[in-house]
Amino acid sequence: MQKIETFVKRMNRLGINVKLIANYPWIYLDEINGIKVKEKYMAKHGFTLAFSGVKLDESSKFTDTRAIFKLIRKYVCR
């Protein structure tokens, strides 16, 4: 979860507020700057940001960072 927390903090420093929701092991990007994300990526229910580690010692794994930042740019540059 450290990677996810770092990601959220860095986005906040850039003035981008992200809201995440989780349905273990998926972590979805729910809102960007208060705008609900409508796109779906690697799931039927939302845009998958990362997958939680299955074991306690495993870290979270981001999906495609290029797709994540492309989506963030789309919502921020509106």
C-alpha atoms as a PDB file:
ATOM      1  CA  MET A   1       0.000   0.000   0.000  1.00  0.00           C
ATOM      2  CA  GLN A   2       3.009   2.309   0.334  1.00  0.00           C
ATOM      3  CA  LYS A   3       3.187   2.786  -3.444  1.00  0.00           C
ATOM      4  CA  ILE A   4      -0.484   3.779  -3.589  1.00  0.00           C
ATOM      5  CA  GLU A   5      -0.138   6.268  -0.711  1.00  0.00           C
ATOM      6  CA  THR A   6       2.926   7.805  -2.355  1.00  0.00           C
ATOM      7  CA  PHE A   7       1.050   8.121  -5.648  1.00  0.00           C
ATOM      8  CA  VAL A   8      -1.881   9.923  -3.995  1.00  0.00           C
ATOM      9  CA  LYS A   9       0.438  12.295  -2.085  1.00  0.00           C
ATOM     10  CA  ARG A  10       2.374  13.170  -5.237  1.00  0.00           C
ATOM     11  CA  MET A  11      -0.822  13.849  -7.158  1.00  0.00           C
ATOM     12  CA  ASN A  12      -2.006  16.127  -4.320  1.00  0.00           C
ATOM     13  CA  ARG A  13       1.268  18.079  -4.475  1.00  0.00           C
ATOM     14  CA  LEU A  14       0.598  18.674  -8.175  1.00  0.00           C
ATOM     15  CA  GLY A  15      -2.898  19.952  -7.390  1.00  0.00           C
ATOM     16  CA  ILE A  16      -4.627  16.824  -8.617  1.00  0.00           C
ATOM     17  CA  ASN A  17      -7.031  15.248  -6.148  1.00  0.00           C
ATOM     18  CA  VAL A  18      -7.679  11.573  -6.773  1.00  0.00           C
ATOM     19  CA  LYS A  19     -10.206   9.389  -5.003  1.00  0.00           C
ATOM     20  CA  LEU A  20      -9.629   5.648  -4.995  1.00  0.00           C
ATOM     21  CA  ILE A  21     -11.926   2.779  -4.130  1.00  0.00           C
ATOM     22  CA  ALA A  22     -10.983  -0.829  -3.555  1.00  0.00           C
ATOM     23  CA  ASN A  23     -12.531  -4.213  -4.057  1.00  0.00           C
ATOM     24  CA  TYR A  24      -9.761  -6.551  -2.974  1.00  0.00           C
ATOM     25  CA  PRO A  25      -7.418  -7.093  -4.804  1.00  0.00           C
ATOM     26  CA  TRP A  26      -8.408  -4.354  -7.310  1.00  0.00           C
ATOM     27  CA  ILE A  27      -7.864  -0.665  -6.636  1.00  0.00           C
ATOM     28  CA  TYR A  28      -9.941   1.597  -8.848  1.00  0.00           C
ATOM     29  CA  LEU A  29      -9.485   5.246  -9.752  1.00  0.00           C
ATOM     30  CA  ASP A  30     -12.927   6.631  -8.836  1.00  0.00           C
ATOM     31  CA  GLU A  31     -12.618  10.424  -9.147  1.00  0.00           C
ATOM     32  CA  ILE A  32     -10.099  12.922 -10.485  1.00  0.00           C
ATOM     33  CA  ASN A  33     -10.513  16.489  -9.198  1.00  0.00           C
ATOM     34  CA  GLY A  34     -14.099  15.698  -8.201  1.00  0.00           C
ATOM     35  CA  ILE A  35     -15.063  14.338 -11.627  1.00  0.00           C
ATOM     36  CA  LYS A  36     -16.300  10.745 -11.679  1.00  0.00           C
ATOM     37  CA  VAL A  37     -14.158   8.495 -13.907  1.00  0.00           C
ATOM     38  CA  LYS A  38     -16.368   6.745 -16.453  1.00  0.00           C
ATOM     39  CA  GLU A  39     -13.732   4.781 -18.345  1.00  0.00           C
ATOM     40  CA  LYS A  40     -13.124   1.113 -17.668  1.00  0.00           C
ATOM     41  CA  TYR A  41      -9.723  -0.518 -17.823  1.00  0.00           C
ATOM     42  CA  MET A  42      -8.915  -4.147 -17.031  1.00  0.00           C
ATOM     43  CA  ALA A  43     -12.237  -4.513 -15.201  1.00  0.00           C
ATOM     44  CA  LYS A  44     -15.982  -4.326 -15.747  1.00  0.00           C
ATOM     45  CA  HIS A  45     -16.560  -1.959 -12.823  1.00  0.00           C
ATOM     46  CA  GLY A  46     -14.076   0.877 -13.263  1.00  0.00           C
ATOM     47  CA  PHE A  47     -10.603   2.040 -14.174  1.00  0.00           C
ATOM     48  CA  THR A  48      -8.130  -0.301 -12.474  1.00  0.00           C
ATOM     49  CA  LEU A  49      -5.221   1.678 -11.048  1.00  0.00           C
ATOM     50  CA  ALA A  50      -3.431  -1.184  -9.310  1.00  0.00           C
ATOM     51  CA  PHE A  51      -3.692  -4.625  -7.805  1.00  0.00           C
ATOM     52  CA  SER A  52      -3.095  -5.176  -4.094  1.00  0.00           C
ATOM     53  CA  GLY A  53      -0.514  -7.693  -3.062  1.00  0.00           C
ATOM     54  CA  VAL A  54      -2.098 -11.020  -2.252  1.00  0.00           C
ATOM     55  CA  LYS A  55       0.343 -11.747   0.553  1.00  0.00           C
ATOM     56  CA  LEU A  56       1.240  -9.349   3.359  1.00  0.00           C
ATOM     57  CA  ASP A  57       4.832  -8.956   2.188  1.00  0.00           C
ATOM     58  CA  GLU A  58       3.854  -8.235  -1.440  1.00  0.00           C
ATOM     59  CA  SER A  59       3.537  -4.660  -2.615  1.00  0.00           C
ATOM     60  CA  SER A  60       0.823  -3.266  -4.860  1.00  0.00           C
ATOM     61  CA  LYS A  61       1.383  -3.397  -8.586  1.00  0.00           C
ATOM     62  CA  PHE A  62       0.223  -0.588 -10.866  1.00  0.00           C
ATOM     63  CA  THR A  63      -1.447  -1.521 -14.123  1.00  0.00           C
ATOM     64  CA  ASP A  64      -0.262   0.463 -17.156  1.00  0.00           C
ATOM     65  CA  THR A  65       1.228   3.766 -15.930  1.00  0.00           C
ATOM     66  CA  ARG A  66       1.005   5.250 -19.418  1.00  0.00           C
ATOM     67  CA  ALA A  67      -2.760   4.623 -19.499  1.00  0.00           C
ATOM     68  CA  ILE A  68      -3.146   5.974 -15.943  1.00  0.00           C
ATOM     69  CA  PHE A  69      -1.441   9.286 -16.693  1.00  0.00           C
ATOM     70  CA  LYS A  70      -3.198   9.599 -20.054  1.00  0.00           C
ATOM     71  CA  LEU A  71      -6.523   9.363 -18.203  1.00  0.00           C
ATOM     72  CA  ILE A  72      -5.402  11.848 -15.539  1.00  0.00           C
ATOM     73  CA  ARG A  73      -4.340  14.342 -18.223  1.00  0.00           C
ATOM     74  CA  LYS A  74      -7.702  13.918 -19.913  1.00  0.00           C
ATOM     75  CA  TYR A  75      -9.605  14.817 -16.724  1.00  0.00           C
ATOM     76  CA  VAL A  76      -7.272  17.613 -15.583  1.00  0.00           C
ATOM     77  CA  CYS A  77      -7.107  19.417 -18.931  1.00  0.00           C
ATOM     78  CA  ARG A  78     -10.885  19.759 -19.302  1.00  0.00           C
END
